[in-house]
Protein backbone atom coordinates (compact mmCIF):
# COMPACT_ATOMS: atom_id res chain seq x y z
CA MET A 1 -93.37 87.21 86.44
CA LEU A 2 -96.83 87.89 85.04
CA ARG A 3 -97.12 86.21 81.67
CA GLY A 4 -99.46 84.21 79.48
CA VAL A 5 -102.87 84.62 77.87
CA HIS A 6 -105.75 83.65 80.13
CA ALA A 7 -109.38 83.47 78.98
CA LEU A 8 -111.59 84.36 81.95
CA SER A 9 -115.19 85.19 82.77
CA MET A 10 -116.50 88.27 84.50
CA ASP A 11 -119.76 88.08 86.42
CA SER A 12 -122.56 90.64 86.17
CA LYS A 13 -121.18 92.56 89.16
CA GLY A 14 -117.79 93.00 87.48
CA ARG A 15 -115.92 90.36 89.49
CA MET A 16 -113.25 88.18 87.96
CA ALA A 17 -110.97 85.56 89.44
CA ILE A 18 -107.22 85.94 89.13
CA PRO A 19 -105.81 82.61 87.86
CA ALA A 20 -104.71 80.40 90.75
CA ARG A 21 -101.10 80.27 89.58
CA PHE A 22 -100.74 84.03 90.26
CA ARG A 23 -102.62 84.33 93.55
CA ASP A 24 -99.80 83.26 95.89
CA MET A 25 -97.29 85.33 93.94
CA LEU A 26 -99.48 88.45 94.19
CA THR A 27 -100.18 87.84 97.86
CA ALA A 28 -96.44 87.55 98.57
CA ALA A 29 -95.45 90.53 96.40
CA CYS A 30 -98.16 93.01 97.41
CA GLN A 31 -100.54 91.32 99.87
CA GLY A 32 -103.11 91.12 97.05
CA GLU A 33 -103.21 94.91 96.70
CA LEU A 34 -103.44 95.89 93.05
CA VAL A 35 -103.97 99.04 90.99
CA LEU A 36 -106.16 99.11 87.91
CA THR A 37 -106.02 101.93 85.37
CA ILE A 38 -106.73 102.57 81.70
CA ASP A 39 -104.30 102.12 78.85
CA THR A 40 -103.76 105.43 77.05
CA GLU A 41 -103.43 103.89 73.58
CA GLU A 42 -105.76 100.86 73.55
CA LEU A 43 -109.22 99.99 74.88
CA CYS A 44 -107.87 97.79 77.63
CA LEU A 45 -107.02 98.11 81.31
CA LEU A 46 -103.67 97.78 83.06
CA LEU A 47 -103.56 95.78 86.27
CA TYR A 48 -100.44 96.32 88.40
CA PRO A 49 -99.33 94.83 91.70
CA LEU A 50 -99.29 97.83 94.06
CA ASN A 51 -95.49 97.77 94.43
CA GLU A 52 -95.03 97.91 90.63
CA TRP A 53 -97.62 100.69 90.24
CA GLU A 54 -95.92 102.85 92.88
CA ILE A 55 -92.74 102.87 90.75
CA ILE A 56 -94.73 103.99 87.69
CA GLN A 57 -96.64 106.65 89.61
CA GLN A 58 -93.45 108.11 91.10
CA LYS A 59 -91.95 108.39 87.62
CA LEU A 60 -95.11 110.03 86.27
CA GLU A 61 -95.27 112.52 89.12
CA ALA A 62 -91.60 113.46 88.60
CA LEU A 63 -92.24 114.55 85.00
CA PRO A 64 -92.66 118.28 84.26
CA GLY A 65 -96.35 119.08 84.66
CA TYR A 66 -96.22 122.09 82.34
CA ASN A 67 -95.81 119.81 79.31
CA LYS A 68 -99.18 119.22 77.64
CA GLN A 69 -98.53 115.55 76.77
CA VAL A 70 -97.16 114.80 80.23
CA ARG A 71 -100.30 116.26 81.84
CA ARG A 72 -102.45 114.21 79.45
CA ILE A 73 -100.76 110.96 80.49
CA GLN A 74 -100.76 111.90 84.18
CA ARG A 75 -104.46 112.72 84.10
CA LEU A 76 -105.35 109.53 82.29
CA LEU A 77 -103.14 107.05 84.13
CA ILE A 78 -103.09 108.49 87.65
CA GLY A 79 -106.59 109.91 87.41
CA HIS A 80 -108.10 106.54 86.52
CA ALA A 81 -105.86 104.52 88.88
CA THR A 82 -108.08 102.58 91.25
CA ASP A 83 -106.95 100.56 94.25
CA ILE A 84 -108.20 96.99 93.98
CA GLU A 85 -107.91 94.26 96.58
CA MET A 86 -107.96 90.56 95.84
CA ASP A 87 -110.48 88.80 98.10
CA GLY A 88 -109.96 85.45 99.85
CA ALA A 89 -111.18 83.60 96.74
CA GLY A 90 -108.67 85.40 94.50
CA ARG A 91 -111.29 87.64 92.90
CA ILE A 92 -111.14 91.32 92.10
CA LEU A 93 -113.94 93.77 91.38
CA VAL A 94 -113.47 95.85 88.23
CA PRO A 95 -115.27 99.19 88.77
CA GLY A 96 -118.01 100.10 86.31
CA PRO A 97 -116.31 103.15 84.74
CA LEU A 98 -113.20 101.11 83.98
CA ARG A 99 -115.28 98.20 82.62
CA ASP A 100 -117.12 100.67 80.39
CA HIS A 101 -113.89 102.22 79.11
CA ALA A 102 -112.48 98.86 78.01
CA LYS A 103 -115.90 97.58 76.89
CA LEU A 104 -115.50 94.55 79.16
CA ASP A 105 -118.35 92.08 79.29
CA LYS A 106 -118.55 88.42 80.28
CA LYS A 107 -115.64 87.03 78.23
CA ILE A 108 -112.32 88.69 78.97
CA ILE A 109 -108.62 88.11 78.40
CA LEU A 110 -105.97 88.60 81.07
CA LEU A 111 -102.70 89.14 79.22
CA GLY A 112 -99.45 88.94 81.17
CA GLN A 113 -96.89 91.65 80.42
CA GLY A 114 -94.10 90.90 82.89
CA ASN A 115 -94.72 93.46 85.63
CA LYS A 116 -98.44 93.89 84.93
CA PHE A 117 -101.48 92.39 83.25
CA GLU A 118 -103.60 93.84 80.48
CA LEU A 119 -107.31 93.21 80.72
CA TRP A 120 -109.13 93.02 77.36
CA ASP A 121 -112.57 92.23 76.05
CA GLU A 122 -112.07 88.84 74.37
CA ASN A 123 -113.23 89.95 70.90
CA SER A 124 -111.19 93.16 71.04
CA TRP A 125 -108.07 91.21 71.99
CA GLN A 126 -108.56 88.67 69.19
CA GLU A 127 -108.96 91.46 66.63
CA ARG A 128 -105.88 93.30 67.93
CA ARG A 129 -103.80 90.10 68.09
CA ASP A 130 -104.77 89.18 64.53
CA ALA A 131 -103.86 92.68 63.35
CA TYR A 132 -100.46 92.40 65.06
CA LEU A 133 -99.83 89.03 63.42
CA THR A 134 -100.67 90.29 59.92
CA ASP A 135 -98.97 93.68 60.23
CA ALA A 136 -96.09 93.77 57.76
CA ASP A 137 -94.52 96.97 59.10
CA ASP A 138 -90.81 96.95 58.27
CA ASP A 139 -90.07 99.88 60.58
CA VAL A 140 -88.59 97.78 63.41
CA PRO A 141 -86.52 99.63 66.04
CA ASP A 142 -82.80 98.73 66.15
CA ALA A 143 -83.06 97.50 69.75
CA LEU A 144 -85.68 94.97 68.67
CA MET A 145 -83.56 93.85 65.72
CA GLU A 146 -80.82 92.90 68.19
CA LEU A 147 -83.15 90.53 70.04
CA SER A 148 -82.68 86.89 69.15
CA LEU A 149 -85.60 84.56 69.85
């Protein structure tokens, strides 16, 4: 289970270290093979263990390609999907075009989302988080209303 908020640093070459608590889990689940792609709604990246990404990609490829919105999502998610391998020190290299898309610099946030991580610029994440916390939208889906915390 990939969860938690982790403040990390990225070096000038675009390398970042996966937190130690996830390294063994990722090695066991996918031999450290990961897939990094863009988020289609936010300026962040999505980092999947390879086995989790393959499920998503199969579902995307099975959708009807003649639908304009389906093609948009396929092009963005699959087109930007980049195979990433964790090195022996637990680091990954975030390619330049993906770093540029998410405006990643030295201070970054790795945000666990269960089956994947989101990778955010620290300031962008803090702004988005604060907006979520102050959003008073009463339009909550019924399924969410049934959830008891």
